[in-house]
Amino acid sequence: MYFSPTYWLYMAPGMLLVMFTSWYVKSAYKKWSKVPARSRISGHEAAQRLITRAGLYGVQIEAVRGKMTDHYDPRSKTLRLSQGVAQGASVASLAIAAHELGHAMQDSEDYLPLKMRAAMVPMVNIGSYLGWILIMAGLFFNFINIAWLGVAFFAGGALFALMTLPVEFDASARAKKLLAETGIIQTEEEQRGVNKVLNAAALTYVAALVTAVLQLLYYASLLSGRRR
């Protein structure tokens, strides 16, 4: 199935988009990680300042290994920053730290899209495995209804990718506003850099949604052909 020309016809656009966005994110991060911010504060210092500004006194900051592994953990109320972001005083470091702080703000406000996405995680984790099994079993034993049930599980993954967009876009919008209001970002060039870094990161979630939808469409077309 995965070597079918039809499969690649469906998936090639999504794969190319994923490859492009991966290159674009790395390129934007590499460029703006070399541009120091006039405020001369590190990503860790910026995050601490923004935590105080937003009144998120229960949020902790921890170091995490790797590059571009920064994330906010709502379960432990912890903002985890990679070494490059935490210690760097670049435009890219400040943009990423502020973006993750945006997620902490969403969590403190019970931001509905964030809650809905979190509630979907168990279903998506199960569906990503069970959906493929049901589709394969349904096709092998010619139980098309079982295969369609697998497609429904895959649809949950596409819905999760869709729900991720407002969460990420809102976190980036909060980050841009906070950095400007607090004076951490001071010039138009720095603001342009923040926009470039965060917009590049947002494209990765768009690419994930496109890929999920294309895969869903492929399975749907495959089963429709079997039914006919």
C-alpha atoms as a PDB file:
ATOM      1  CA  MET A   1       0.000   0.000   0.000  1.00  0.00           C
ATOM      2  CA  TYR A   2       2.691   2.482   0.997  1.00  0.00           C
ATOM      3  CA  PHE A   3       4.572   1.834  -2.250  1.00  0.00           C
ATOM      4  CA  SER A   4       1.476   2.462  -4.339  1.00  0.00           C
ATOM      5  CA  PRO A   5       1.884   5.309  -6.870  1.00  0.00           C
ATOM      6  CA  THR A   6      -1.487   6.623  -5.711  1.00  0.00           C
ATOM      7  CA  TYR A   7      -0.248   6.855  -2.128  1.00  0.00           C
ATOM      8  CA  TRP A   8       2.732   8.964  -3.167  1.00  0.00           C
ATOM      9  CA  LEU A   9       0.500  11.079  -5.390  1.00  0.00           C
ATOM     10  CA  TYR A  10      -1.536  12.005  -2.320  1.00  0.00           C
ATOM     11  CA  MET A  11       1.330  12.322   0.138  1.00  0.00           C
ATOM     12  CA  ALA A  12       4.052  13.987  -1.961  1.00  0.00           C
ATOM     13  CA  PRO A  13       2.702  17.553  -1.519  1.00  0.00           C
ATOM     14  CA  GLY A  14       2.540  17.121   2.248  1.00  0.00           C
ATOM     15  CA  MET A  15       6.018  15.626   2.441  1.00  0.00           C
ATOM     16  CA  LEU A  16       7.471  18.425   0.352  1.00  0.00           C
ATOM     17  CA  LEU A  17       5.753  20.987   2.582  1.00  0.00           C
ATOM     18  CA  VAL A  18       7.153  19.291   5.698  1.00  0.00           C
ATOM     19  CA  MET A  19      10.659  19.334   4.207  1.00  0.00           C
ATOM     20  CA  PHE A  20      10.333  22.993   3.281  1.00  0.00           C
ATOM     21  CA  THR A  21       9.034  24.064   6.690  1.00  0.00           C
ATOM     22  CA  SER A  22      11.790  22.102   8.444  1.00  0.00           C
ATOM     23  CA  TRP A  23      14.399  23.943   6.382  1.00  0.00           C
ATOM     24  CA  TYR A  24      12.641  27.273   6.903  1.00  0.00           C
ATOM     25  CA  VAL A  25      12.456  26.899  10.681  1.00  0.00           C
ATOM     26  CA  LYS A  26      16.136  25.950  10.954  1.00  0.00           C
ATOM     27  CA  SER A  27      17.119  28.781   8.634  1.00  0.00           C
ATOM     28  CA  ALA A  28      15.120  31.394  10.571  1.00  0.00           C
ATOM     29  CA  TYR A  29      16.428  30.147  13.920  1.00  0.00           C
ATOM     30  CA  LYS A  30      20.023  30.051  12.689  1.00  0.00           C
ATOM     31  CA  LYS A  31      19.837  33.595  11.330  1.00  0.00           C
ATOM     32  CA  TRP A  32      18.151  35.266  14.284  1.00  0.00           C
ATOM     33  CA  SER A  33      20.047  33.309  16.924  1.00  0.00           C
ATOM     34  CA  LYS A  34      23.085  35.275  15.737  1.00  0.00           C
ATOM     35  CA  VAL A  35      21.353  38.640  16.203  1.00  0.00           C
ATOM     36  CA  PRO A  36      21.674  39.897  19.799  1.00  0.00           C
ATOM     37  CA  ALA A  37      18.781  41.828  21.304  1.00  0.00           C
ATOM     38  CA  ARG A  38      19.479  45.326  22.594  1.00  0.00           C
ATOM     39  CA  SER A  39      18.001  44.429  25.971  1.00  0.00           C
ATOM     40  CA  ARG A  40      20.898  41.957  26.435  1.00  0.00           C
ATOM     41  CA  ILE A  41      18.830  39.586  28.543  1.00  0.00           C
ATOM     42  CA  SER A  42      18.798  35.826  28.074  1.00  0.00           C
ATOM     43  CA  GLY A  43      15.832  33.644  27.236  1.00  0.00           C
ATOM     44  CA  HIS A  44      15.732  32.454  30.856  1.00  0.00           C
ATOM     45  CA  GLU A  45      15.758  36.015  32.191  1.00  0.00           C
ATOM     46  CA  ALA A  46      13.079  37.036  29.720  1.00  0.00           C
ATOM     47  CA  ALA A  47      10.879  34.100  30.711  1.00  0.00           C
ATOM     48  CA  GLN A  48      11.281  34.970  34.410  1.00  0.00           C
ATOM     49  CA  ARG A  49      10.400  38.592  33.745  1.00  0.00           C
ATOM     50  CA  LEU A  50       7.329  37.619  31.735  1.00  0.00           C
ATOM     51  CA  ILE A  51       6.224  35.135  34.402  1.00  0.00           C
ATOM     52  CA  THR A  52       6.276  37.959  36.945  1.00  0.00           C
ATOM     53  CA  ARG A  53       4.530  40.327  34.540  1.00  0.00           C
ATOM     54  CA  ALA A  54       1.737  37.820  33.900  1.00  0.00           C
ATOM     55  CA  GLY A  55       1.428  36.836  37.571  1.00  0.00           C
ATOM     56  CA  LEU A  56       2.225  33.179  36.863  1.00  0.00           C
ATOM     57  CA  TYR A  57       4.036  32.630  40.123  1.00  0.00           C
ATOM     58  CA  GLY A  58       3.461  28.870  40.138  1.00  0.00           C
ATOM     59  CA  VAL A  59       5.322  28.367  36.867  1.00  0.00           C
ATOM     60  CA  GLN A  60       8.869  27.019  37.142  1.00  0.00           C
ATOM     61  CA  ILE A  61      11.669  27.164  34.580  1.00  0.00           C
ATOM     62  CA  GLU A  62      13.836  24.117  33.900  1.00  0.00           C
ATOM     63  CA  ALA A  63      16.600  23.276  31.463  1.00  0.00           C
ATOM     64  CA  VAL A  64      16.018  20.576  28.862  1.00  0.00           C
ATOM     65  CA  ARG A  65      18.524  18.868  26.606  1.00  0.00           C
ATOM     66  CA  GLY A  66      18.578  19.195  22.856  1.00  0.00           C
ATOM     67  CA  LYS A  67      18.088  21.925  20.311  1.00  0.00           C
ATOM     68  CA  MET A  68      14.677  23.520  19.747  1.00  0.00           C
ATOM     69  CA  THR A  69      13.172  21.166  22.340  1.00  0.00           C
ATOM     70  CA  ASP A  70      11.549  24.012  24.260  1.00  0.00           C
ATOM     71  CA  HIS A  71       8.028  23.392  25.554  1.00  0.00           C
ATOM     72  CA  TYR A  72       5.580  24.118  28.356  1.00  0.00           C
ATOM     73  CA  ASP A  73       4.345  21.217  30.482  1.00  0.00           C
ATOM     74  CA  PRO A  74       0.873  22.045  31.869  1.00  0.00           C
ATOM     75  CA  ARG A  75       0.893  19.025  34.181  1.00  0.00           C
ATOM     76  CA  SER A  76       3.831  20.254  36.255  1.00  0.00           C
ATOM     77  CA  LYS A  77       3.424  23.960  35.362  1.00  0.00           C
ATOM     78  CA  THR A  78       6.988  23.937  34.062  1.00  0.00           C
ATOM     79  CA  LEU A  79       8.535  25.962  31.267  1.00  0.00           C
ATOM     80  CA  ARG A  80      11.361  23.896  29.805  1.00  0.00           C
ATOM     81  CA  LEU A  81      13.963  25.768  27.781  1.00  0.00           C
ATOM     82  CA  SER A  82      16.826  24.297  25.792  1.00  0.00           C
ATOM     83  CA  GLN A  83      20.325  25.465  26.642  1.00  0.00           C
ATOM     84  CA  GLY A  84      20.622  27.621  23.539  1.00  0.00           C
ATOM     85  CA  VAL A  85      17.375  29.437  24.281  1.00  0.00           C
ATOM     86  CA  ALA A  86      17.833  29.725  28.054  1.00  0.00           C
ATOM     87  CA  GLN A  87      21.363  31.105  27.875  1.00  0.00           C
ATOM     88  CA  GLY A  88      21.161  32.976  24.589  1.00  0.00           C
ATOM     89  CA  ALA A  89      20.395  36.678  24.439  1.00  0.00           C
ATOM     90  CA  SER A  90      19.434  36.583  20.783  1.00  0.00           C
ATOM     91  CA  VAL A  91      16.211  37.609  19.088  1.00  0.00           C
ATOM     92  CA  ALA A  92      15.435  33.946  18.376  1.00  0.00           C
ATOM     93  CA  SER A  93      15.942  32.926  22.025  1.00  0.00           C
ATOM     94  CA  LEU A  94      13.607  35.642  23.262  1.00  0.00           C
ATOM     95  CA  ALA A  95      10.947  34.775  20.684  1.00  0.00           C
ATOM     96  CA  ILE A  96      10.926  31.091  21.613  1.00  0.00           C
ATOM     97  CA  ALA A  97      10.976  31.687  25.374  1.00  0.00           C
ATOM     98  CA  ALA A  98       8.086  34.150  25.090  1.00  0.00           C
ATOM     99  CA  HIS A  99       6.113  31.752  22.874  1.00  0.00           C
ATOM    100  CA  GLU A 100       6.323  28.986  25.452  1.00  0.00           C
ATOM    101  CA  LEU A 101       5.346  31.471  28.150  1.00  0.00           C
ATOM    102  CA  GLY A 102       2.301  32.176  25.999  1.00  0.00           C
ATOM    103  CA  HIS A 103       1.247  28.557  26.512  1.00  0.00           C
ATOM    104  CA  ALA A 104       1.635  28.997  30.267  1.00  0.00           C
ATOM    105  CA  MET A 105      -0.698  32.000  30.079  1.00  0.00           C
ATOM    106  CA  GLN A 106      -3.220  29.951  28.123  1.00  0.00           C
ATOM    107  CA  ASP A 107      -3.068  27.263  30.785  1.00  0.00           C
ATOM    108  CA  SER A 108      -3.640  29.750  33.608  1.00  0.00           C
ATOM    109  CA  GLU A 109      -6.666  31.195  31.785  1.00  0.00           C
ATOM    110  CA  ASP A 110      -8.166  27.798  30.894  1.00  0.00           C
ATOM    111  CA  TYR A 111      -7.908  28.732  27.228  1.00  0.00           C
ATOM    112  CA  LEU A 112     -10.582  26.581  25.562  1.00  0.00           C
ATOM    113  CA  PRO A 113      -8.654  25.392  22.466  1.00  0.00           C
ATOM    114  CA  LEU A 114      -5.769  24.309  24.710  1.00  0.00           C
ATOM    115  CA  LYS A 115      -8.125  22.343  26.965  1.00  0.00           C
ATOM    116  CA  MET A 116      -9.827  20.740  23.982  1.00  0.00           C
ATOM    117  CA  ARG A 117      -6.506  19.721  22.449  1.00  0.00           C
ATOM    118  CA  ALA A 118      -5.282  18.262  25.745  1.00  0.00           C
ATOM    119  CA  ALA A 119      -8.493  16.247  26.081  1.00  0.00           C
ATOM    120  CA  MET A 120      -7.908  14.762  22.633  1.00  0.00           C
ATOM    121  CA  VAL A 121      -4.401  13.456  23.367  1.00  0.00           C
ATOM    122  CA  PRO A 122      -5.420   9.981  24.696  1.00  0.00           C
ATOM    123  CA  MET A 123      -7.776   9.426  21.756  1.00  0.00           C
ATOM    124  CA  VAL A 124      -5.154  10.497  19.223  1.00  0.00           C
ATOM    125  CA  ASN A 125      -2.453   8.313  20.797  1.00  0.00           C
ATOM    126  CA  ILE A 126      -4.707   5.261  20.610  1.00  0.00           C
ATOM    127  CA  GLY A 127      -6.142   6.150  17.213  1.00  0.00           C
ATOM    128  CA  SER A 128      -2.753   6.546  15.542  1.00  0.00           C
ATOM    129  CA  TYR A 129      -2.051   2.861  16.193  1.00  0.00           C
ATOM    130  CA  LEU A 130      -5.518   1.344  16.199  1.00  0.00           C
ATOM    131  CA  GLY A 131      -6.627   3.194  13.057  1.00  0.00           C
ATOM    132  CA  TRP A 132      -3.860   1.681  10.941  1.00  0.00           C
ATOM    133  CA  ILE A 133      -4.557  -1.819  12.336  1.00  0.00           C
ATOM    134  CA  LEU A 134      -8.277  -1.558  11.613  1.00  0.00           C
ATOM    135  CA  ILE A 135      -7.673  -0.357   8.071  1.00  0.00           C
ATOM    136  CA  MET A 136      -5.216  -3.165   7.333  1.00  0.00           C
ATOM    137  CA  ALA A 137      -7.451  -5.798   8.913  1.00  0.00           C
ATOM    138  CA  GLY A 138     -10.527  -4.494   7.147  1.00  0.00           C
ATOM    139  CA  LEU A 139      -8.809  -4.567   3.769  1.00  0.00           C
ATOM    140  CA  PHE A 140      -7.210  -7.978   4.321  1.00  0.00           C
ATOM    141  CA  PHE A 141     -10.428  -9.675   5.461  1.00  0.00           C
ATOM    142  CA  ASN A 142     -12.603  -7.534   3.171  1.00  0.00           C
ATOM    143  CA  PHE A 143     -14.493  -6.028   6.120  1.00  0.00           C
ATOM    144  CA  ILE A 144     -14.868  -2.559   4.671  1.00  0.00           C
ATOM    145  CA  ASN A 145     -16.886  -1.221   7.603  1.00  0.00           C
ATOM    146  CA  ILE A 146     -14.024  -2.117   9.954  1.00  0.00           C
ATOM    147  CA  ALA A 147     -11.611  -0.305   7.648  1.00  0.00           C
ATOM    148  CA  TRP A 148     -13.848   2.783   7.672  1.00  0.00           C
ATOM    149  CA  LEU A 149     -13.748   2.691  11.454  1.00  0.00           C
ATOM    150  CA  GLY A 150      -9.970   2.893  11.163  1.00  0.00           C
ATOM    151  CA  VAL A 151     -10.328   5.933   8.922  1.00  0.00           C
ATOM    152  CA  ALA A 152     -12.493   7.526  11.599  1.00  0.00           C
ATOM    153  CA  PHE A 153      -9.673   7.031  14.108  1.00  0.00           C
ATOM    154  CA  PHE A 154      -7.266   8.679  11.677  1.00  0.00           C
ATOM    155  CA  ALA A 155      -9.701  11.576  11.367  1.00  0.00           C
ATOM    156  CA  GLY A 156      -9.093  12.229  15.056  1.00  0.00           C
ATOM    157  CA  GLY A 157      -5.432  12.915  14.268  1.00  0.00           C
ATOM    158  CA  ALA A 158      -6.397  15.423  11.603  1.00  0.00           C
ATOM    159  CA  LEU A 159      -8.787  17.115  14.027  1.00  0.00           C
ATOM    160  CA  PHE A 160      -6.019  17.290  16.627  1.00  0.00           C
ATOM    161  CA  ALA A 161      -3.722  18.951  14.085  1.00  0.00           C
ATOM    162  CA  LEU A 162      -6.492  21.430  13.303  1.00  0.00           C
ATOM    163  CA  MET A 163      -7.028  22.235  16.995  1.00  0.00           C
ATOM    164  CA  THR A 164      -3.297  22.834  17.374  1.00  0.00           C
ATOM    165  CA  LEU A 165      -3.355  25.831  15.020  1.00  0.00           C
ATOM    166  CA  PRO A 166      -5.314  28.306  17.199  1.00  0.00           C
ATOM    167  CA  VAL A 167      -3.291  27.226  20.245  1.00  0.00           C
ATOM    168  CA  GLU A 168       0.034  27.928  18.558  1.00  0.00           C
ATOM    169  CA  PHE A 169      -1.072  31.085  16.756  1.00  0.00           C
ATOM    170  CA  ASP A 170      -2.464  32.544  19.977  1.00  0.00           C
ATOM    171  CA  ALA A 171       0.736  31.725  21.911  1.00  0.00           C
ATOM    172  CA  SER A 172       2.781  33.505  19.242  1.00  0.00           C
ATOM    173  CA  ALA A 173       0.483  36.541  19.308  1.00  0.00           C
ATOM    174  CA  ARG A 174       0.856  36.737  23.080  1.00  0.00           C
ATOM    175  CA  ALA A 175       4.628  36.434  22.767  1.00  0.00           C
ATOM    176  CA  LYS A 176       4.908  39.288  20.268  1.00  0.00           C
ATOM    177  CA  LYS A 177       2.749  41.550  22.427  1.00  0.00           C
ATOM    178  CA  LEU A 178       4.564  40.751  25.674  1.00  0.00           C
ATOM    179  CA  LEU A 179       8.022  41.245  24.209  1.00  0.00           C
ATOM    180  CA  ALA A 180       7.050  44.657  22.845  1.00  0.00           C
ATOM    181  CA  GLU A 181       5.178  45.832  25.953  1.00  0.00           C
ATOM    182  CA  THR A 182       7.986  44.910  28.345  1.00  0.00           C
ATOM    183  CA  GLY A 183      10.725  46.453  26.221  1.00  0.00           C
ATOM    184  CA  ILE A 184      12.536  43.145  25.892  1.00  0.00           C
ATOM    185  CA  ILE A 185      12.275  43.675  22.139  1.00  0.00           C
ATOM    186  CA  GLN A 186      13.038  47.298  21.287  1.00  0.00           C
ATOM    187  CA  THR A 187      13.610  47.853  17.582  1.00  0.00           C
ATOM    188  CA  GLU A 188      11.695  47.208  14.379  1.00  0.00           C
ATOM    189  CA  GLU A 189      14.442  44.853  13.219  1.00  0.00           C
ATOM    190  CA  GLU A 190      14.115  42.806  16.393  1.00  0.00           C
ATOM    191  CA  GLN A 191      10.349  42.681  16.005  1.00  0.00           C
ATOM    192  CA  ARG A 192      10.793  41.525  12.431  1.00  0.00           C
ATOM    193  CA  GLY A 193      13.099  38.777  13.662  1.00  0.00           C
ATOM    194  CA  VAL A 194      10.581  37.656  16.277  1.00  0.00           C
ATOM    195  CA  ASN A 195       7.906  37.520  13.593  1.00  0.00           C
ATOM    196  CA  LYS A 196      10.144  35.503  11.264  1.00  0.00           C
ATOM    197  CA  VAL A 197      11.019  32.925  13.921  1.00  0.00           C
ATOM    198  CA  LEU A 198       7.481  32.475  15.228  1.00  0.00           C
ATOM    199  CA  ASN A 199       5.859  32.467  11.792  1.00  0.00           C
ATOM    200  CA  ALA A 200       8.313  29.816  10.615  1.00  0.00           C
ATOM    201  CA  ALA A 201       7.470  27.671  13.627  1.00  0.00           C
ATOM    202  CA  ALA A 202       3.742  28.103  12.951  1.00  0.00           C
ATOM    203  CA  LEU A 203       4.206  26.737   9.438  1.00  0.00           C
ATOM    204  CA  THR A 204       5.268  23.380  10.886  1.00  0.00           C
ATOM    205  CA  TYR A 205       1.798  22.963  12.378  1.00  0.00           C
ATOM    206  CA  VAL A 206       0.179  23.923   9.083  1.00  0.00           C
ATOM    207  CA  ALA A 207       2.335  21.290   7.366  1.00  0.00           C
ATOM    208  CA  ALA A 208       1.291  18.690   9.935  1.00  0.00           C
ATOM    209  CA  LEU A 209      -2.379  19.454   9.294  1.00  0.00           C
ATOM    210  CA  VAL A 210      -1.969  19.256   5.519  1.00  0.00           C
ATOM    211  CA  THR A 211      -0.157  15.918   5.815  1.00  0.00           C
ATOM    212  CA  ALA A 212      -2.820  14.489   8.135  1.00  0.00           C
ATOM    213  CA  VAL A 213      -5.634  15.560   5.803  1.00  0.00           C
ATOM    214  CA  LEU A 214      -3.880  14.137   2.736  1.00  0.00           C
ATOM    215  CA  GLN A 215      -3.369  10.803   4.464  1.00  0.00           C
ATOM    216  CA  LEU A 216      -7.004  10.770   5.499  1.00  0.00           C
ATOM    217  CA  LEU A 217      -8.085  11.496   1.935  1.00  0.00           C
ATOM    218  CA  TYR A 218      -5.895   8.702   0.603  1.00  0.00           C
ATOM    219  CA  TYR A 219      -7.441   6.099   2.896  1.00  0.00           C
ATOM    220  CA  ALA A 220     -10.930   7.383   2.143  1.00  0.00           C
ATOM    221  CA  SER A 221     -10.332   7.137  -1.616  1.00  0.00           C
ATOM    222  CA  LEU A 222      -8.833   3.668  -1.210  1.00  0.00           C
ATOM    223  CA  LEU A 223     -11.856   2.348   0.651  1.00  0.00           C
ATOM    224  CA  SER A 224     -14.286   4.074  -1.682  1.00  0.00           C
ATOM    225  CA  GLY A 225     -12.645   2.246  -4.569  1.00  0.00           C
ATOM    226  CA  ARG A 226     -12.916  -1.075  -2.748  1.00  0.00           C
ATOM    227  CA  ARG A 227     -16.610  -0.496  -2.064  1.00  0.00           C
ATOM    228  CA  ARG A 228     -17.276   0.135  -5.741  1.00  0.00           C
END
